[in-house]
Amino acid sequence: MTERTYKAVFLCPALSERVVWYVSSRHKARKMMNAHICGYKKRLKQYRGMKEGTDYTLTVVPIFDTLPDVGVIET
């Protein structure tokens, strides 16, 4: 089984906010973003009325895809 690591970048230009997470899946990145903009149940006050894609974005890109595993000798 291949483990992947993703870099998730949350950008909100309206609030001058940039948050970076390193996660194991795209689904986990989406959950981290929802936990960031929502409180216990409702969206936090500063994010109310904002739409994804226009007011804030989440970019998820895989990292370490082209490099072989460190310490593993390829035969």
PDB file of N, CA and C in Angstrom:
ATOM      1  N   MET A   1       0.838  -1.177   0.000  1.00  0.00           N
ATOM      2  CA  MET A   1       0.000   0.000   0.000  1.00  0.00           C
ATOM      3  C   MET A   1       0.888   1.247   0.000  1.00  0.00           C
ATOM      4  N   THR A   2       0.548   2.169  -0.854  1.00  0.00           N
ATOM      5  CA  THR A   2       1.343   3.379  -0.986  1.00  0.00           C
ATOM      6  C   THR A   2       0.736   4.489  -0.144  1.00  0.00           C
ATOM      7  N   GLU A   3       1.541   5.054   0.716  1.00  0.00           N
ATOM      8  CA  GLU A   3       1.089   6.185   1.522  1.00  0.00           C
ATOM      9  C   GLU A   3       1.399   7.469   0.776  1.00  0.00           C
ATOM     10  N   ARG A   4       0.437   8.358   0.716  1.00  0.00           N
ATOM     11  CA  ARG A   4       0.642   9.641   0.068  1.00  0.00           C
ATOM     12  C   ARG A   4       0.502  10.743   1.090  1.00  0.00           C
ATOM     13  N   THR A   5       1.180  11.828   0.813  1.00  0.00           N
ATOM     14  CA  THR A   5       1.060  13.021   1.641  1.00  0.00           C
ATOM     15  C   THR A   5       0.655  14.166   0.733  1.00  0.00           C
ATOM     16  N   TYR A   6      -0.312  14.944   1.199  1.00  0.00           N
ATOM     17  CA  TYR A   6      -0.815  16.076   0.439  1.00  0.00           C
ATOM     18  C   TYR A   6      -0.568  17.364   1.212  1.00  0.00           C
ATOM     19  N   LYS A   7      -0.334  18.412   0.467  1.00  0.00           N
ATOM     20  CA  LYS A   7      -0.208  19.744   1.055  1.00  0.00           C
ATOM     21  C   LYS A   7      -1.501  20.486   0.733  1.00  0.00           C
ATOM     22  N   ALA A   8      -2.232  20.870   1.761  1.00  0.00           N
ATOM     23  CA  ALA A   8      -3.491  21.593   1.602  1.00  0.00           C
ATOM     24  C   ALA A   8      -3.274  23.043   2.022  1.00  0.00           C
ATOM     25  N   VAL A   9      -3.607  23.963   1.123  1.00  0.00           N
ATOM     26  CA  VAL A   9      -3.419  25.388   1.389  1.00  0.00           C
ATOM     27  C   VAL A   9      -4.783  26.071   1.356  1.00  0.00           C
ATOM     28  N   PHE A  10      -5.167  26.647   2.480  1.00  0.00           N
ATOM     29  CA  PHE A  10      -6.411  27.399   2.600  1.00  0.00           C
ATOM     30  C   PHE A  10      -6.068  28.878   2.494  1.00  0.00           C
ATOM     31  N   LEU A  11      -6.666  29.569   1.509  1.00  0.00           N
ATOM     32  CA  LEU A  11      -6.419  31.000   1.312  1.00  0.00           C
ATOM     33  C   LEU A  11      -7.727  31.764   1.420  1.00  0.00           C
ATOM     34  N   CYS A  12      -7.701  32.839   2.202  1.00  0.00           N
ATOM     35  CA  CYS A  12      -8.844  33.734   2.324  1.00  0.00           C
ATOM     36  C   CYS A  12      -8.314  35.162   2.200  1.00  0.00           C
ATOM     37  N   PRO A  13      -8.323  35.719   0.966  1.00  0.00           N
ATOM     38  CA  PRO A  13      -7.793  37.073   0.773  1.00  0.00           C
ATOM     39  C   PRO A  13      -8.579  38.141   1.520  1.00  0.00           C
ATOM     40  N   ALA A  14      -9.878  37.929   1.719  1.00  0.00           N
ATOM     41  CA  ALA A  14     -10.694  38.926   2.410  1.00  0.00           C
ATOM     42  C   ALA A  14     -10.217  39.135   3.846  1.00  0.00           C
ATOM     43  N   LEU A  15      -9.722  38.074   4.477  1.00  0.00           N
ATOM     44  CA  LEU A  15      -9.254  38.153   5.863  1.00  0.00           C
ATOM     45  C   LEU A  15      -7.721  38.121   5.959  1.00  0.00           C
ATOM     46  N   SER A  16      -7.041  38.158   4.814  1.00  0.00           N
ATOM     47  CA  SER A  16      -5.576  38.050   4.756  1.00  0.00           C
ATOM     48  C   SER A  16      -5.095  36.824   5.525  1.00  0.00           C
ATOM     49  N   GLU A  17      -5.679  35.690   5.186  1.00  0.00           N
ATOM     50  CA  GLU A  17      -5.401  34.460   5.921  1.00  0.00           C
ATOM     51  C   GLU A  17      -4.859  33.388   4.982  1.00  0.00           C
ATOM     52  N   ARG A  18      -3.825  32.688   5.439  1.00  0.00           N
ATOM     53  CA  ARG A  18      -3.254  31.550   4.722  1.00  0.00           C
ATOM     54  C   ARG A  18      -2.886  30.491   5.744  1.00  0.00           C
ATOM     55  N   VAL A  19      -3.449  29.290   5.562  1.00  0.00           N
ATOM     56  CA  VAL A  19      -3.191  28.192   6.489  1.00  0.00           C
ATOM     57  C   VAL A  19      -2.750  26.989   5.662  1.00  0.00           C
ATOM     58  N   VAL A  20      -1.708  26.288   6.119  1.00  0.00           N
ATOM     59  CA  VAL A  20      -1.192  25.119   5.414  1.00  0.00           C
ATOM     60  C   VAL A  20      -1.293  23.906   6.326  1.00  0.00           C
ATOM     61  N   TRP A  21      -1.827  22.812   5.764  1.00  0.00           N
ATOM     62  CA  TRP A  21      -1.892  21.536   6.479  1.00  0.00           C
ATOM     63  C   TRP A  21      -1.228  20.474   5.619  1.00  0.00           C
ATOM     64  N   TYR A  22      -0.615  19.497   6.254  1.00  0.00           N
ATOM     65  CA  TYR A  22      -0.096  18.320   5.563  1.00  0.00           C
ATOM     66  C   TYR A  22      -0.973  17.160   5.992  1.00  0.00           C
ATOM     67  N   VAL A  23      -1.679  16.575   5.033  1.00  0.00           N
ATOM     68  CA  VAL A  23      -2.697  15.577   5.329  1.00  0.00           C
ATOM     69  C   VAL A  23      -2.454  14.314   4.508  1.00  0.00           C
ATOM     70  N   SER A  24      -3.175  13.257   4.850  1.00  0.00           N
ATOM     71  CA  SER A  24      -2.991  11.969   4.183  1.00  0.00           C
ATOM     72  C   SER A  24      -3.971  11.728   3.044  1.00  0.00           C
ATOM     73  N   SER A  25      -4.980  12.585   2.880  1.00  0.00           N
ATOM     74  CA  SER A  25      -5.931  12.415   1.777  1.00  0.00           C
ATOM     75  C   SER A  25      -6.608  13.741   1.470  1.00  0.00           C
ATOM     76  N   ARG A  26      -7.209  13.799   0.289  1.00  0.00           N
ATOM     77  CA  ARG A  26      -7.955  14.994  -0.094  1.00  0.00           C
ATOM     78  C   ARG A  26      -9.192  15.152   0.778  1.00  0.00           C
ATOM     79  N   HIS A  27      -9.782  14.036   1.148  1.00  0.00           N
ATOM     80  CA  HIS A  27     -10.947  14.062   2.027  1.00  0.00           C
ATOM     81  C   HIS A  27     -10.593  14.669   3.389  1.00  0.00           C
ATOM     82  N   LYS A  28      -9.444  14.304   3.919  1.00  0.00           N
ATOM     83  CA  LYS A  28      -8.987  14.854   5.198  1.00  0.00           C
ATOM     84  C   LYS A  28      -8.724  16.361   5.083  1.00  0.00           C
ATOM     85  N   ALA A  29      -8.236  16.799   3.926  1.00  0.00           N
ATOM     86  CA  ALA A  29      -8.017  18.233   3.703  1.00  0.00           C
ATOM     87  C   ALA A  29      -9.331  18.996   3.762  1.00  0.00           C
ATOM     88  N   ARG A  30     -10.360  18.450   3.145  1.00  0.00           N
ATOM     89  CA  ARG A  30     -11.675  19.087   3.164  1.00  0.00           C
ATOM     90  C   ARG A  30     -12.228  19.135   4.596  1.00  0.00           C
ATOM     91  N   LYS A  31     -12.015  18.063   5.361  1.00  0.00           N
ATOM     92  CA  LYS A  31     -12.470  18.046   6.754  1.00  0.00           C
ATOM     93  C   LYS A  31     -11.722  19.076   7.597  1.00  0.00           C
ATOM     94  N   MET A  32     -10.432  19.255   7.341  1.00  0.00           N
ATOM     95  CA  MET A  32      -9.651  20.246   8.074  1.00  0.00           C
ATOM     96  C   MET A  32     -10.150  21.655   7.762  1.00  0.00           C
ATOM     97  N   MET A  33     -10.488  21.912   6.490  1.00  0.00           N
ATOM     98  CA  MET A  33     -10.999  23.220   6.116  1.00  0.00           C
ATOM     99  C   MET A  33     -12.349  23.481   6.794  1.00  0.00           C
ATOM    100  N   ASN A  34     -13.227  22.494   6.783  1.00  0.00           N
ATOM    101  CA  ASN A  34     -14.528  22.668   7.434  1.00  0.00           C
ATOM    102  C   ASN A  34     -14.377  22.891   8.931  1.00  0.00           C
ATOM    103  N   ALA A  35     -13.447  22.207   9.561  1.00  0.00           N
ATOM    104  CA  ALA A  35     -13.204  22.421  10.989  1.00  0.00           C
ATOM    105  C   ALA A  35     -12.633  23.814  11.244  1.00  0.00           C
ATOM    106  N   HIS A  36     -11.889  24.337  10.278  1.00  0.00           N
ATOM    107  CA  HIS A  36     -11.290  25.662  10.435  1.00  0.00           C
ATOM    108  C   HIS A  36     -12.342  26.771  10.315  1.00  0.00           C
ATOM    109  N   ILE A  37     -13.280  26.631   9.387  1.00  0.00           N
ATOM    110  CA  ILE A  37     -14.247  27.708   9.166  1.00  0.00           C
ATOM    111  C   ILE A  37     -15.525  27.540   9.972  1.00  0.00           C
ATOM    112  N   CYS A  38     -15.726  26.373  10.573  1.00  0.00           N
ATOM    113  CA  CYS A  38     -16.938  26.143  11.364  1.00  0.00           C
ATOM    114  C   CYS A  38     -16.585  26.003  12.836  1.00  0.00           C
ATOM    115  N   GLY A  39     -17.501  26.422  13.660  1.00  0.00           N
ATOM    116  CA  GLY A  39     -17.339  26.207  15.087  1.00  0.00           C
ATOM    117  C   GLY A  39     -17.900  24.843  15.438  1.00  0.00           C
ATOM    118  N   TYR A  40     -18.639  24.773  16.530  1.00  0.00           N
ATOM    119  CA  TYR A  40     -19.226  23.505  16.955  1.00  0.00           C
ATOM    120  C   TYR A  40     -20.242  23.012  15.931  1.00  0.00           C
ATOM    121  N   LYS A  41     -21.155  23.883  15.515  1.00  0.00           N
ATOM    122  CA  LYS A  41     -22.147  23.504  14.511  1.00  0.00           C
ATOM    123  C   LYS A  41     -22.248  24.509  13.379  1.00  0.00           C
ATOM    124  N   LYS A  42     -22.152  25.794  13.705  1.00  0.00           N
ATOM    125  CA  LYS A  42     -22.346  26.837  12.711  1.00  0.00           C
ATOM    126  C   LYS A  42     -21.013  27.352  12.194  1.00  0.00           C
ATOM    127  N   ARG A  43     -21.101  27.996  11.061  1.00  0.00           N
ATOM    128  CA  ARG A  43     -19.933  28.653  10.493  1.00  0.00           C
ATOM    129  C   ARG A  43     -19.544  29.830  11.387  1.00  0.00           C
ATOM    130  N   LEU A  44     -18.250  30.055  11.556  1.00  0.00           N
ATOM    131  CA  LEU A  44     -17.779  31.166  12.374  1.00  0.00           C
ATOM    132  C   LEU A  44     -18.209  32.493  11.763  1.00  0.00           C
ATOM    133  N   LYS A  45     -18.353  33.496  12.616  1.00  0.00           N
ATOM    134  CA  LYS A  45     -18.897  34.787  12.200  1.00  0.00           C
ATOM    135  C   LYS A  45     -18.139  35.402  11.029  1.00  0.00           C
ATOM    136  N   GLN A  46     -16.805  35.339  11.054  1.00  0.00           N
ATOM    137  CA  GLN A  46     -16.031  35.986  10.002  1.00  0.00           C
ATOM    138  C   GLN A  46     -16.162  35.287   8.648  1.00  0.00           C
ATOM    139  N   TYR A  47     -16.642  34.040   8.613  1.00  0.00           N
ATOM    140  CA  TYR A  47     -16.790  33.303   7.360  1.00  0.00           C
ATOM    141  C   TYR A  47     -18.234  33.238   6.862  1.00  0.00           C
ATOM    142  N   ARG A  48     -19.179  33.783   7.606  1.00  0.00           N
ATOM    143  CA  ARG A  48     -20.576  33.730   7.175  1.00  0.00           C
ATOM    144  C   ARG A  48     -20.773  34.558   5.917  1.00  0.00           C
ATOM    145  N   GLY A  49     -21.517  34.019   4.986  1.00  0.00           N
ATOM    146  CA  GLY A  49     -21.792  34.709   3.731  1.00  0.00           C
ATOM    147  C   GLY A  49     -20.718  34.541   2.675  1.00  0.00           C
ATOM    148  N   MET A  50     -19.620  33.886   3.012  1.00  0.00           N
ATOM    149  CA  MET A  50     -18.544  33.665   2.040  1.00  0.00           C
ATOM    150  C   MET A  50     -18.795  32.382   1.264  1.00  0.00           C
ATOM    151  N   LYS A  51     -18.367  32.375   0.022  1.00  0.00           N
ATOM    152  CA  LYS A  51     -18.516  31.209  -0.852  1.00  0.00           C
ATOM    153  C   LYS A  51     -17.141  30.659  -1.215  1.00  0.00           C
ATOM    154  N   GLU A  52     -17.048  29.332  -1.264  1.00  0.00           N
ATOM    155  CA  GLU A  52     -15.789  28.711  -1.660  1.00  0.00           C
ATOM    156  C   GLU A  52     -15.549  28.958  -3.145  1.00  0.00           C
ATOM    157  N   GLY A  53     -14.342  29.279  -3.489  1.00  0.00           N
ATOM    158  CA  GLY A  53     -13.975  29.549  -4.869  1.00  0.00           C
ATOM    159  C   GLY A  53     -13.941  31.033  -5.184  1.00  0.00           C
ATOM    160  N   THR A  54     -14.768  31.816  -4.516  1.00  0.00           N
ATOM    161  CA  THR A  54     -14.748  33.264  -4.750  1.00  0.00           C
ATOM    162  C   THR A  54     -14.114  33.999  -3.581  1.00  0.00           C
ATOM    163  N   ASP A  55     -14.529  33.691  -2.361  1.00  0.00           N
ATOM    164  CA  ASP A  55     -14.009  34.375  -1.181  1.00  0.00           C
ATOM    165  C   ASP A  55     -12.855  33.627  -0.523  1.00  0.00           C
ATOM    166  N   TYR A  56     -12.852  32.319  -0.623  1.00  0.00           N
ATOM    167  CA  TYR A  56     -11.748  31.521  -0.092  1.00  0.00           C
ATOM    168  C   TYR A  56     -11.550  30.292  -0.965  1.00  0.00           C
ATOM    169  N   THR A  57     -10.340  29.758  -0.960  1.00  0.00           N
ATOM    170  CA  THR A  57     -10.018  28.588  -1.778  1.00  0.00           C
ATOM    171  C   THR A  57      -9.254  27.560  -0.961  1.00  0.00           C
ATOM    172  N   LEU A  58      -9.374  26.316  -1.380  1.00  0.00           N
ATOM    173  CA  LEU A  58      -8.595  25.224  -0.815  1.00  0.00           C
ATOM    174  C   LEU A  58      -7.884  24.544  -1.968  1.00  0.00           C
ATOM    175  N   THR A  59      -6.552  24.533  -1.914  1.00  0.00           N
ATOM    176  CA  THR A  59      -5.746  23.888  -2.941  1.00  0.00           C
ATOM    177  C   THR A  59      -5.050  22.698  -2.310  1.00  0.00           C
ATOM    178  N   VAL A  60      -5.222  21.521  -2.926  1.00  0.00           N
ATOM    179  CA  VAL A  60      -4.615  20.296  -2.406  1.00  0.00           C
ATOM    180  C   VAL A  60      -3.733  19.708  -3.495  1.00  0.00           C
ATOM    181  N   VAL A  61      -2.448  19.555  -3.199  1.00  0.00           N
ATOM    182  CA  VAL A  61      -1.495  18.993  -4.157  1.00  0.00           C
ATOM    183  C   VAL A  61      -0.694  17.883  -3.479  1.00  0.00           C
ATOM    184  N   PRO A  62      -0.433  16.790  -4.212  1.00  0.00           N
ATOM    185  CA  PRO A  62       0.396  15.729  -3.628  1.00  0.00           C
ATOM    186  C   PRO A  62       1.852  16.172  -3.567  1.00  0.00           C
ATOM    187  N   ILE A  63       2.547  15.743  -2.536  1.00  0.00           N
ATOM    188  CA  ILE A  63       3.982  16.021  -2.413  1.00  0.00           C
ATOM    189  C   ILE A  63       4.720  14.693  -2.316  1.00  0.00           C
ATOM    190  N   PHE A  64       5.982  14.721  -2.591  1.00  0.00           N
ATOM    191  CA  PHE A  64       6.852  13.537  -2.547  1.00  0.00           C
ATOM    192  C   PHE A  64       6.440  12.483  -3.574  1.00  0.00           C
ATOM    193  N   ASP A  65       5.811  12.878  -4.683  1.00  0.00           N
ATOM    194  CA  ASP A  65       5.404  11.896  -5.687  1.00  0.00           C
ATOM    195  C   ASP A  65       6.550  11.440  -6.577  1.00  0.00           C
ATOM    196  N   THR A  66       7.447  12.330  -6.913  1.00  0.00           N
ATOM    197  CA  THR A  66       8.491  11.987  -7.869  1.00  0.00           C
ATOM    198  C   THR A  66       9.746  11.415  -7.210  1.00  0.00           C
ATOM    199  N   LEU A  67       9.897  11.585  -5.919  1.00  0.00           N
ATOM    200  CA  LEU A  67      11.088  11.109  -5.232  1.00  0.00           C
ATOM    201  C   LEU A  67      10.885   9.677  -4.740  1.00  0.00           C
ATOM    202  N   PRO A  68      11.878   8.812  -4.877  1.00  0.00           N
ATOM    203  CA  PRO A  68      11.762   7.465  -4.306  1.00  0.00           C
ATOM    204  C   PRO A  68      11.843   7.525  -2.782  1.00  0.00           C
ATOM    205  N   ASP A  69      11.433   6.461  -2.154  1.00  0.00           N
ATOM    206  CA  ASP A  69      11.492   6.406  -0.695  1.00  0.00           C
ATOM    207  C   ASP A  69      12.946   6.507  -0.228  1.00  0.00           C
ATOM    208  N   VAL A  70      13.160   7.245   0.818  1.00  0.00           N
ATOM    209  CA  VAL A  70      14.494   7.430   1.365  1.00  0.00           C
ATOM    210  C   VAL A  70      14.917   6.153   2.079  1.00  0.00           C
ATOM    211  N   GLY A  71      16.095   5.711   1.794  1.00  0.00           N
ATOM    212  CA  GLY A  71      16.628   4.524   2.470  1.00  0.00           C
ATOM    213  C   GLY A  71      16.273   3.213   1.793  1.00  0.00           C
ATOM    214  N   VAL A  72      15.497   3.262   0.739  1.00  0.00           N
ATOM    215  CA  VAL A  72      15.127   2.040   0.030  1.00  0.00           C
ATOM    216  C   VAL A  72      15.980   1.932  -1.229  1.00  0.00           C
ATOM    217  N   ILE A  73      16.683   0.852  -1.352  1.00  0.00           N
ATOM    218  CA  ILE A  73      17.543   0.649  -2.512  1.00  0.00           C
ATOM    219  C   ILE A  73      16.713  -0.028  -3.598  1.00  0.00           C
ATOM    220  N   GLU A  74      16.678   0.624  -4.770  1.00  0.00           N
ATOM    221  CA  GLU A  74      15.931   0.041  -5.898  1.00  0.00           C
ATOM    222  C   GLU A  74      16.800  -0.970  -6.597  1.00  0.00           C
ATOM    223  N   THR A  75      16.247  -2.146  -6.873  1.00  0.00           N
ATOM    224  CA  THR A  75      17.012  -3.199  -7.534  1.00  0.00           C
ATOM    225  C   THR A  75      16.463  -3.498  -8.891  1.00  0.00           C
TER     226      THR A  75
END
